[in-house]
Amino acid sequence: MRYSANHKLETRERLLRSSAVSAKKSGFSAVGVDGLMKAIGLSGGAFYSHFSSKDELFASIVERELGQSMARLGEDQDLDRCLRQYLSMAHVESVDTGCALPALGAEIARSEDAVRQQAENWICRLQQSWAQTLGSDSLAWAILSQCIGALVVARMLATPDIQRTVLKSSYDEIRKQIADLRT
């Protein structure tokens, strides 16, 4: 059976999408190649016609996911709206569609230098975008770190009321830091 010219690209895209969801939900190292391929209805052997290794797939996931985060967070000049969306229960509950940093940060940290460098490039672009909006490099780093940390902590907790408290406290403190900067 002949496939369309776009079949390989479409399959690669499905694999990237499905693998990113799996990685953010369960951790990338927790699922093998066979499991990743089974999720899109293909055999494990077909994997190698798309990626040379699982590490190459992870690098592609990091590139894709952080690029999407940058598009959502870095290009929007309404920082307050970004903060409200990021520090929300909807984001806590949407691991598979949310920012990759809280979900994959530890795995990125354990990855090869090329993946870590790629992540650094995207994170620095986001920080620079926020620094330009805020007029402060250090506050942009602090807010970025606090947002990611608050989301990690909120996701670790079992009680929704405490999760909301973590998110609201972080949001309120960030707003105070921004207000202090502008006065």
N, C-alpha and C. Protein backbone atom coordinates (compact mmCIF):
# COMPACT_ATOMS: atom_id res chain seq x y z
N MET A 1 0.84 -1.18 0.00
CA MET A 1 0.00 0.00 0.00
C MET A 1 0.89 1.24 0.00
N ARG A 2 0.59 2.18 -0.90
CA ARG A 2 1.36 3.42 -0.99
C ARG A 2 0.73 4.47 -0.08
N TYR A 3 1.60 5.20 0.58
CA TYR A 3 1.14 6.28 1.45
C TYR A 3 1.28 7.61 0.72
N SER A 4 0.51 8.59 1.15
CA SER A 4 0.61 9.92 0.56
C SER A 4 1.99 10.52 0.88
N ALA A 5 2.35 11.54 0.14
CA ALA A 5 3.64 12.19 0.34
C ALA A 5 3.76 12.79 1.74
N ASN A 6 2.66 13.16 2.32
CA ASN A 6 2.66 13.78 3.65
C ASN A 6 2.54 12.77 4.79
N HIS A 7 2.37 11.51 4.46
CA HIS A 7 2.13 10.49 5.49
C HIS A 7 3.22 10.46 6.55
N LYS A 8 4.48 10.48 6.13
CA LYS A 8 5.57 10.41 7.09
C LYS A 8 5.57 11.64 8.01
N LEU A 9 5.34 12.82 7.43
CA LEU A 9 5.28 14.04 8.25
C LEU A 9 4.10 14.01 9.21
N GLU A 10 2.96 13.53 8.73
CA GLU A 10 1.77 13.44 9.59
C GLU A 10 2.00 12.44 10.72
N THR A 11 2.63 11.32 10.42
CA THR A 11 2.92 10.31 11.44
C THR A 11 3.90 10.87 12.47
N ARG A 12 4.92 11.55 12.00
CA ARG A 12 5.90 12.17 12.91
C ARG A 12 5.20 13.17 13.84
N GLU A 13 4.32 13.97 13.27
CA GLU A 13 3.58 14.96 14.05
C GLU A 13 2.69 14.27 15.11
N ARG A 14 2.01 13.22 14.72
CA ARG A 14 1.19 12.46 15.68
C ARG A 14 2.05 11.88 16.80
N LEU A 15 3.21 11.35 16.43
CA LEU A 15 4.13 10.78 17.41
C LEU A 15 4.64 11.86 18.37
N LEU A 16 5.00 13.01 17.85
CA LEU A 16 5.45 14.12 18.70
C LEU A 16 4.35 14.55 19.66
N ARG A 17 3.15 14.74 19.13
CA ARG A 17 2.02 15.18 19.96
C ARG A 17 1.71 14.17 21.05
N SER A 18 1.58 12.92 20.66
CA SER A 18 1.25 11.85 21.59
C SER A 18 2.35 11.64 22.63
N SER A 19 3.59 11.68 22.19
CA SER A 19 4.72 11.48 23.09
C SER A 19 4.86 12.63 24.08
N ALA A 20 4.57 13.84 23.64
CA ALA A 20 4.62 15.00 24.54
C ALA A 20 3.58 14.87 25.64
N VAL A 21 2.38 14.46 25.27
CA VAL A 21 1.32 14.25 26.27
C VAL A 21 1.75 13.17 27.26
N SER A 22 2.24 12.07 26.74
CA SER A 22 2.69 10.97 27.59
C SER A 22 3.82 11.41 28.51
N ALA A 23 4.78 12.15 27.97
CA ALA A 23 5.93 12.62 28.77
C ALA A 23 5.48 13.54 29.88
N LYS A 24 4.56 14.46 29.58
CA LYS A 24 4.11 15.40 30.60
C LYS A 24 3.25 14.73 31.66
N LYS A 25 2.52 13.71 31.28
CA LYS A 25 1.66 13.01 32.25
C LYS A 25 2.44 12.01 33.10
N SER A 26 3.30 11.22 32.46
CA SER A 26 3.93 10.08 33.15
C SER A 26 5.44 10.18 33.28
N GLY A 27 6.04 11.14 32.61
CA GLY A 27 7.49 11.22 32.55
C GLY A 27 7.98 10.53 31.29
N PHE A 28 8.93 11.14 30.63
CA PHE A 28 9.40 10.61 29.36
C PHE A 28 10.11 9.27 29.52
N SER A 29 10.89 9.15 30.56
CA SER A 29 11.67 7.91 30.74
C SER A 29 10.79 6.72 31.13
N ALA A 30 9.56 6.99 31.55
CA ALA A 30 8.67 5.92 32.00
C ALA A 30 8.08 5.10 30.86
N VAL A 31 8.12 5.61 29.65
CA VAL A 31 7.48 4.93 28.52
C VAL A 31 8.54 4.55 27.49
N GLY A 32 8.51 3.32 27.04
CA GLY A 32 9.44 2.85 26.03
C GLY A 32 8.97 3.17 24.62
N VAL A 33 9.83 2.93 23.68
CA VAL A 33 9.53 3.19 22.27
C VAL A 33 8.28 2.43 21.84
N ASP A 34 8.17 1.16 22.23
CA ASP A 34 6.99 0.37 21.84
C ASP A 34 5.70 1.01 22.35
N GLY A 35 5.72 1.48 23.58
CA GLY A 35 4.55 2.13 24.16
C GLY A 35 4.20 3.43 23.46
N LEU A 36 5.22 4.21 23.11
CA LEU A 36 4.99 5.47 22.41
C LEU A 36 4.36 5.22 21.04
N MET A 37 4.87 4.19 20.34
CA MET A 37 4.34 3.89 19.01
C MET A 37 2.95 3.25 19.09
N LYS A 38 2.75 2.40 20.09
CA LYS A 38 1.44 1.77 20.26
C LYS A 38 0.36 2.82 20.47
N ALA A 39 0.71 3.91 21.16
CA ALA A 39 -0.26 4.98 21.42
C ALA A 39 -0.78 5.62 20.14
N ILE A 40 -0.02 5.53 19.06
CA ILE A 40 -0.50 6.09 17.79
C ILE A 40 -0.84 4.99 16.79
N GLY A 41 -0.90 3.76 17.28
CA GLY A 41 -1.34 2.65 16.44
C GLY A 41 -0.30 2.06 15.52
N LEU A 42 0.98 2.21 15.85
CA LEU A 42 2.04 1.67 15.01
C LEU A 42 2.95 0.76 15.83
N SER A 43 3.76 -0.01 15.14
CA SER A 43 4.70 -0.91 15.82
C SER A 43 5.95 -0.14 16.22
N GLY A 44 6.65 -0.68 17.20
CA GLY A 44 7.88 -0.05 17.68
C GLY A 44 8.92 0.12 16.61
N GLY A 45 9.00 -0.82 15.69
CA GLY A 45 10.00 -0.75 14.63
C GLY A 45 9.84 0.47 13.73
N ALA A 46 8.62 0.97 13.59
CA ALA A 46 8.36 2.13 12.74
C ALA A 46 8.96 3.41 13.34
N PHE A 47 9.25 3.39 14.62
CA PHE A 47 9.80 4.56 15.31
C PHE A 47 11.05 5.08 14.61
N TYR A 48 11.94 4.17 14.23
CA TYR A 48 13.25 4.55 13.72
C TYR A 48 13.22 5.13 12.31
N SER A 49 12.07 5.13 11.69
CA SER A 49 11.97 5.85 10.41
C SER A 49 11.64 7.33 10.66
N HIS A 50 11.41 7.68 11.92
CA HIS A 50 11.10 9.07 12.28
C HIS A 50 12.19 9.70 13.15
N PHE A 51 12.78 8.92 14.03
CA PHE A 51 13.81 9.41 14.95
C PHE A 51 14.90 8.36 15.08
N SER A 52 16.14 8.81 15.23
CA SER A 52 17.24 7.86 15.34
C SER A 52 17.34 7.26 16.74
N SER A 53 16.75 7.95 17.71
CA SER A 53 16.81 7.46 19.09
C SER A 53 15.69 8.10 19.90
N LYS A 54 15.46 7.55 21.07
CA LYS A 54 14.47 8.13 21.98
C LYS A 54 14.95 9.50 22.46
N ASP A 55 16.26 9.66 22.60
CA ASP A 55 16.82 10.97 22.99
C ASP A 55 16.52 12.03 21.94
N GLU A 56 16.60 11.65 20.67
CA GLU A 56 16.28 12.61 19.60
C GLU A 56 14.80 13.00 19.67
N LEU A 57 13.93 12.04 19.97
CA LEU A 57 12.51 12.35 20.14
C LEU A 57 12.34 13.32 21.30
N PHE A 58 13.01 13.07 22.43
CA PHE A 58 12.87 13.95 23.59
C PHE A 58 13.34 15.37 23.23
N ALA A 59 14.44 15.49 22.51
CA ALA A 59 14.93 16.81 22.09
C ALA A 59 13.88 17.51 21.23
N SER A 60 13.23 16.78 20.37
CA SER A 60 12.18 17.36 19.51
C SER A 60 10.96 17.77 20.33
N ILE A 61 10.64 16.98 21.34
CA ILE A 61 9.52 17.33 22.23
C ILE A 61 9.84 18.62 22.99
N VAL A 62 11.04 18.70 23.53
CA VAL A 62 11.44 19.89 24.27
C VAL A 62 11.37 21.12 23.37
N GLU A 63 11.91 21.01 22.18
CA GLU A 63 11.88 22.13 21.22
C GLU A 63 10.45 22.56 20.93
N ARG A 64 9.62 21.62 20.63
CA ARG A 64 8.22 21.89 20.28
C ARG A 64 7.46 22.50 21.45
N GLU A 65 7.56 21.86 22.61
CA GLU A 65 6.80 22.30 23.78
C GLU A 65 7.24 23.66 24.28
N LEU A 66 8.54 23.90 24.34
CA LEU A 66 9.01 25.20 24.82
C LEU A 66 8.74 26.29 23.80
N GLY A 67 8.76 25.94 22.53
CA GLY A 67 8.36 26.90 21.50
C GLY A 67 6.91 27.31 21.66
N GLN A 68 6.05 26.35 21.97
CA GLN A 68 4.64 26.65 22.20
C GLN A 68 4.45 27.49 23.46
N SER A 69 5.21 27.18 24.50
CA SER A 69 5.13 27.99 25.73
C SER A 69 5.57 29.42 25.44
N MET A 70 6.62 29.59 24.68
CA MET A 70 7.09 30.92 24.32
C MET A 70 6.02 31.68 23.55
N ALA A 71 5.36 30.99 22.64
CA ALA A 71 4.30 31.64 21.86
C ALA A 71 3.16 32.09 22.77
N ARG A 72 2.82 31.26 23.75
CA ARG A 72 1.72 31.61 24.66
C ARG A 72 2.12 32.68 25.67
N LEU A 73 3.32 32.60 26.18
CA LEU A 73 3.71 33.46 27.30
C LEU A 73 4.60 34.63 26.92
N GLY A 74 5.43 34.47 25.93
CA GLY A 74 6.42 35.48 25.64
C GLY A 74 5.99 36.54 24.65
N GLU A 75 5.08 36.20 23.79
CA GLU A 75 4.67 37.15 22.77
C GLU A 75 3.47 37.97 23.21
N ASP A 76 2.85 37.60 24.31
CA ASP A 76 1.71 38.32 24.85
C ASP A 76 2.24 39.41 25.78
N GLN A 77 1.99 40.64 25.45
CA GLN A 77 2.50 41.74 26.26
C GLN A 77 1.65 42.01 27.51
N ASP A 78 0.53 41.32 27.66
CA ASP A 78 -0.31 41.46 28.85
C ASP A 78 0.18 40.45 29.89
N LEU A 79 1.19 40.83 30.64
CA LEU A 79 1.82 39.94 31.61
C LEU A 79 0.83 39.50 32.68
N ASP A 80 -0.04 40.40 33.11
CA ASP A 80 -1.01 40.03 34.15
C ASP A 80 -1.92 38.90 33.67
N ARG A 81 -2.37 38.98 32.43
CA ARG A 81 -3.21 37.91 31.88
C ARG A 81 -2.44 36.60 31.82
N CYS A 82 -1.17 36.66 31.41
CA CYS A 82 -0.32 35.46 31.38
C CYS A 82 -0.20 34.85 32.77
N LEU A 83 0.04 35.70 33.76
CA LEU A 83 0.18 35.20 35.14
C LEU A 83 -1.11 34.55 35.63
N ARG A 84 -2.24 35.17 35.35
CA ARG A 84 -3.53 34.60 35.78
C ARG A 84 -3.76 33.23 35.13
N GLN A 85 -3.43 33.11 33.86
CA GLN A 85 -3.61 31.83 33.17
C GLN A 85 -2.63 30.79 33.67
N TYR A 86 -1.38 31.19 33.85
CA TYR A 86 -0.35 30.24 34.27
C TYR A 86 -0.61 29.75 35.69
N LEU A 87 -0.95 30.67 36.58
CA LEU A 87 -1.17 30.33 37.98
C LEU A 87 -2.65 30.07 38.24
N SER A 88 -3.20 29.15 37.47
CA SER A 88 -4.63 28.83 37.56
C SER A 88 -4.83 27.34 37.83
N MET A 89 -5.97 27.01 38.39
CA MET A 89 -6.31 25.60 38.61
C MET A 89 -6.46 24.87 37.28
N ALA A 90 -6.92 25.57 36.26
CA ALA A 90 -7.03 24.93 34.93
C ALA A 90 -5.65 24.47 34.47
N HIS A 91 -4.62 25.24 34.73
CA HIS A 91 -3.26 24.86 34.34
C HIS A 91 -2.75 23.72 35.21
N VAL A 92 -3.06 23.76 36.49
CA VAL A 92 -2.67 22.66 37.39
C VAL A 92 -3.26 21.35 36.90
N GLU A 93 -4.51 21.38 36.50
CA GLU A 93 -5.24 20.17 36.11
C GLU A 93 -4.96 19.73 34.68
N SER A 94 -4.32 20.57 33.89
CA SER A 94 -4.08 20.26 32.47
C SER A 94 -2.61 20.00 32.20
N VAL A 95 -2.07 19.01 32.86
CA VAL A 95 -0.65 18.69 32.71
C VAL A 95 -0.32 18.43 31.24
N ASP A 96 -1.17 17.69 30.56
CA ASP A 96 -0.86 17.27 29.19
C ASP A 96 -0.87 18.42 28.19
N THR A 97 -1.61 19.48 28.44
CA THR A 97 -1.65 20.61 27.50
C THR A 97 -0.96 21.85 28.05
N GLY A 98 -0.46 21.78 29.27
CA GLY A 98 0.16 22.93 29.90
C GLY A 98 1.63 23.06 29.58
N CYS A 99 2.25 24.01 30.26
CA CYS A 99 3.67 24.29 30.09
C CYS A 99 4.50 23.04 30.38
N ALA A 100 5.49 22.80 29.55
CA ALA A 100 6.34 21.62 29.71
C ALA A 100 7.36 21.76 30.84
N LEU A 101 7.69 22.97 31.23
CA LEU A 101 8.75 23.15 32.23
C LEU A 101 8.44 22.50 33.57
N PRO A 102 7.26 22.72 34.15
CA PRO A 102 6.99 22.05 35.43
C PRO A 102 6.93 20.53 35.30
N ALA A 103 6.46 20.04 34.18
CA ALA A 103 6.29 18.60 33.98
C ALA A 103 7.59 17.90 33.58
N LEU A 104 8.40 18.56 32.80
CA LEU A 104 9.59 17.92 32.24
C LEU A 104 10.91 18.51 32.73
N GLY A 105 10.85 19.51 33.59
CA GLY A 105 12.06 20.19 34.03
C GLY A 105 13.13 19.26 34.59
N ALA A 106 12.73 18.33 35.45
CA ALA A 106 13.73 17.42 36.03
C ALA A 106 14.35 16.51 34.97
N GLU A 107 13.55 16.07 34.00
CA GLU A 107 14.09 15.22 32.94
C GLU A 107 14.98 16.02 32.00
N ILE A 108 14.62 17.28 31.76
CA ILE A 108 15.48 18.14 30.94
C ILE A 108 16.82 18.32 31.65
N ALA A 109 16.77 18.53 32.96
CA ALA A 109 18.00 18.73 33.74
C ALA A 109 18.93 17.52 33.67
N ARG A 110 18.37 16.34 33.52
CA ARG A 110 19.17 15.11 33.45
C ARG A 110 19.56 14.75 32.01
N SER A 111 19.12 15.53 31.05
CA SER A 111 19.37 15.23 29.64
C SER A 111 20.77 15.65 29.22
N GLU A 112 21.10 15.26 28.01
CA GLU A 112 22.38 15.64 27.43
C GLU A 112 22.45 17.16 27.25
N ASP A 113 23.67 17.66 27.11
CA ASP A 113 23.89 19.11 27.03
C ASP A 113 23.09 19.77 25.91
N ALA A 114 22.95 19.10 24.78
CA ALA A 114 22.24 19.71 23.65
C ALA A 114 20.79 20.01 24.00
N VAL A 115 20.14 19.11 24.72
CA VAL A 115 18.75 19.32 25.12
C VAL A 115 18.69 20.44 26.16
N ARG A 116 19.61 20.43 27.10
CA ARG A 116 19.63 21.47 28.12
C ARG A 116 19.91 22.84 27.50
N GLN A 117 20.78 22.88 26.51
CA GLN A 117 21.07 24.14 25.82
C GLN A 117 19.84 24.63 25.07
N GLN A 118 19.16 23.72 24.44
CA GLN A 118 17.93 24.06 23.71
C GLN A 118 16.90 24.65 24.68
N ALA A 119 16.71 24.00 25.82
CA ALA A 119 15.78 24.50 26.83
C ALA A 119 16.23 25.87 27.33
N GLU A 120 17.52 26.00 27.56
CA GLU A 120 18.06 27.30 28.02
C GLU A 120 17.74 28.40 27.03
N ASN A 121 17.90 28.13 25.75
CA ASN A 121 17.63 29.14 24.73
C ASN A 121 16.18 29.62 24.80
N TRP A 122 15.25 28.68 24.93
CA TRP A 122 13.83 29.05 25.00
C TRP A 122 13.51 29.79 26.30
N ILE A 123 14.06 29.32 27.40
CA ILE A 123 13.79 29.96 28.70
C ILE A 123 14.37 31.38 28.69
N CYS A 124 15.55 31.54 28.15
CA CYS A 124 16.15 32.88 28.07
C CYS A 124 15.34 33.81 27.18
N ARG A 125 14.79 33.30 26.11
CA ARG A 125 13.94 34.13 25.25
C ARG A 125 12.70 34.59 26.01
N LEU A 126 12.11 33.68 26.77
CA LEU A 126 10.93 34.06 27.56
C LEU A 126 11.31 35.09 28.62
N GLN A 127 12.42 34.84 29.32
CA GLN A 127 12.87 35.78 30.35
C GLN A 127 13.15 37.15 29.73
N GLN A 128 13.77 37.19 28.58
CA GLN A 128 14.07 38.47 27.93
C GLN A 128 12.80 39.21 27.53
N SER A 129 11.80 38.45 27.08
CA SER A 129 10.53 39.07 26.73
C SER A 129 9.88 39.69 27.96
N TRP A 130 9.87 38.95 29.05
CA TRP A 130 9.28 39.49 30.29
C TRP A 130 10.13 40.63 30.84
N ALA A 131 11.45 40.55 30.74
CA ALA A 131 12.33 41.62 31.21
C ALA A 131 12.06 42.92 30.45
N GLN A 132 11.82 42.78 29.17
CA GLN A 132 11.51 43.96 28.36
C GLN A 132 10.19 44.58 28.81
N THR A 133 9.19 43.75 29.08
CA THR A 133 7.90 44.23 29.54
C THR A 133 8.02 44.89 30.92
N LEU A 134 8.80 44.26 31.80
CA LEU A 134 8.93 44.73 33.18
C LEU A 134 9.98 45.82 33.35
N GLY A 135 10.97 45.83 32.48
CA GLY A 135 12.08 46.74 32.65
C GLY A 135 13.08 46.27 33.70
N SER A 136 13.09 44.96 33.97
CA SER A 136 14.00 44.41 34.99
C SER A 136 14.35 42.97 34.65
N ASP A 137 15.64 42.72 34.43
CA ASP A 137 16.11 41.36 34.16
C ASP A 137 15.90 40.46 35.37
N SER A 138 16.28 40.94 36.55
CA SER A 138 16.23 40.09 37.74
C SER A 138 14.79 39.76 38.13
N LEU A 139 13.89 40.73 38.01
CA LEU A 139 12.49 40.44 38.35
C LEU A 139 11.89 39.44 37.37
N ALA A 140 12.27 39.53 36.11
CA ALA A 140 11.77 38.57 35.12
C ALA A 140 12.22 37.16 35.47
N TRP A 141 13.49 36.98 35.87
CA TRP A 141 13.96 35.66 36.31
C TRP A 141 13.21 35.19 37.54
N ALA A 142 13.01 36.08 38.50
CA ALA A 142 12.32 35.71 39.74
C ALA A 142 10.88 35.29 39.47
N ILE A 143 10.19 36.03 38.62
CA ILE A 143 8.80 35.69 38.31
C ILE A 143 8.71 34.38 37.54
N LEU A 144 9.57 34.21 36.57
CA LEU A 144 9.59 32.97 35.80
C LEU A 144 9.81 31.77 36.74
N SER A 145 10.79 31.88 37.60
CA SER A 145 11.09 30.80 38.55
C SER A 145 9.95 30.57 39.52
N GLN A 146 9.37 31.65 40.01
CA GLN A 146 8.26 31.50 40.96
C GLN A 146 7.05 30.86 40.31
N CYS A 147 6.74 31.22 39.09
CA CYS A 147 5.59 30.63 38.39
C CYS A 147 5.77 29.13 38.21
N ILE A 148 6.94 28.74 37.71
CA ILE A 148 7.19 27.31 37.49
C ILE A 148 7.16 26.56 38.82
N GLY A 149 7.81 27.11 39.83
CA GLY A 149 7.83 26.47 41.14
C GLY A 149 6.45 26.37 41.75
N ALA A 150 5.65 27.42 41.64
CA ALA A 150 4.30 27.40 42.20
C ALA A 150 3.46 26.32 41.52
N LEU A 151 3.62 26.18 40.21
CA LEU A 151 2.85 25.15 39.51
C LEU A 151 3.30 23.75 39.93
N VAL A 152 4.60 23.54 40.09
CA VAL A 152 5.10 22.25 40.56
C VAL A 152 4.53 21.93 41.94
N VAL A 153 4.61 22.89 42.85
CA VAL A 153 4.11 22.67 44.21
C VAL A 153 2.61 22.41 44.19
N ALA A 154 1.86 23.21 43.45
CA ALA A 154 0.40 23.01 43.40
C ALA A 154 0.05 21.63 42.86
N ARG A 155 0.78 21.17 41.86
CA ARG A 155 0.50 19.84 41.29
C ARG A 155 0.88 18.72 42.26
N MET A 156 1.82 18.98 43.15
CA MET A 156 2.23 17.96 44.13
C MET A 156 1.17 17.77 45.21
N LEU A 157 0.37 18.77 45.45
CA LEU A 157 -0.59 18.74 46.55
C LEU A 157 -1.87 18.02 46.15
N ALA A 158 -2.54 17.44 47.13
CA ALA A 158 -3.75 16.66 46.87
C ALA A 158 -5.03 17.46 47.08
N THR A 159 -4.97 18.52 47.86
CA THR A 159 -6.17 19.26 48.25
C THR A 159 -6.34 20.50 47.38
N PRO A 160 -7.42 20.58 46.62
CA PRO A 160 -7.63 21.73 45.73
C PRO A 160 -7.60 23.08 46.45
N ASP A 161 -8.13 23.17 47.66
CA ASP A 161 -8.10 24.45 48.37
C ASP A 161 -6.66 24.90 48.65
N ILE A 162 -5.80 23.96 48.99
CA ILE A 162 -4.40 24.31 49.25
C ILE A 162 -3.70 24.64 47.92
N GLN A 163 -4.03 23.92 46.87
CA GLN A 163 -3.48 24.23 45.55
C GLN A 163 -3.83 25.67 45.17
N ARG A 164 -5.11 26.04 45.35
CA ARG A 164 -5.55 27.40 45.02
C ARG A 164 -4.81 28.44 45.87
N THR A 165 -4.58 28.10 47.14
CA THR A 165 -3.85 29.02 48.03
C THR A 165 -2.43 29.25 47.53
N VAL A 166 -1.76 28.18 47.11
CA VAL A 166 -0.40 28.31 46.57
C VAL A 166 -0.41 29.22 45.34
N LEU A 167 -1.34 29.00 44.44
CA LEU A 167 -1.41 29.78 43.21
C LEU A 167 -1.73 31.24 43.49
N LYS A 168 -2.72 31.48 44.35
CA LYS A 168 -3.12 32.86 44.68
C LYS A 168 -2.00 33.58 45.41
N SER A 169 -1.36 32.91 46.35
CA SER A 169 -0.25 33.54 47.09
C SER A 169 0.87 33.94 46.13
N SER A 170 1.20 33.06 45.22
CA SER A 170 2.25 33.36 44.24
C SER A 170 1.85 34.53 43.36
N TYR A 171 0.63 34.49 42.86
CA TYR A 171 0.14 35.58 42.01
C TYR A 171 0.18 36.91 42.77
N ASP A 172 -0.33 36.92 44.00
CA ASP A 172 -0.36 38.15 44.80
C ASP A 172 1.04 38.70 45.06
N GLU A 173 1.97 37.81 45.38
CA GLU A 173 3.35 38.26 45.64
C GLU A 173 4.01 38.79 44.38
N ILE A 174 3.76 38.15 43.27
CA ILE A 174 4.33 38.63 42.00
C ILE A 174 3.76 40.01 41.67
N ARG A 175 2.47 40.18 41.85
CA ARG A 175 1.83 41.48 41.59
C ARG A 175 2.44 42.57 42.48
N LYS A 176 2.73 42.23 43.76
CA LYS A 176 3.37 43.18 44.67
C LYS A 176 4.76 43.54 44.16
N GLN A 177 5.51 42.54 43.71
CA GLN A 177 6.86 42.80 43.20
C GLN A 177 6.82 43.73 41.98
N ILE A 178 5.85 43.52 41.12
CA ILE A 178 5.71 44.36 39.93
C ILE A 178 5.31 45.77 40.34
N ALA A 179 4.37 45.88 41.27
CA ALA A 179 3.93 47.21 41.74
C ALA A 179 5.08 47.96 42.41
N ASP A 180 5.88 47.26 43.22
CA ASP A 180 7.04 47.89 43.87
C ASP A 180 8.04 48.40 42.85
N LEU A 181 8.21 47.65 41.78
CA LEU A 181 9.14 48.06 40.73
C LEU A 181 8.68 49.36 40.06
N ARG A 182 7.40 49.50 39.94
CA ARG A 182 6.85 50.64 39.19
C ARG A 182 6.62 51.87 40.07
N THR A 183 6.87 51.74 41.37
CA THR A 183 6.69 52.92 42.25
C THR A 183 8.00 53.56 42.62
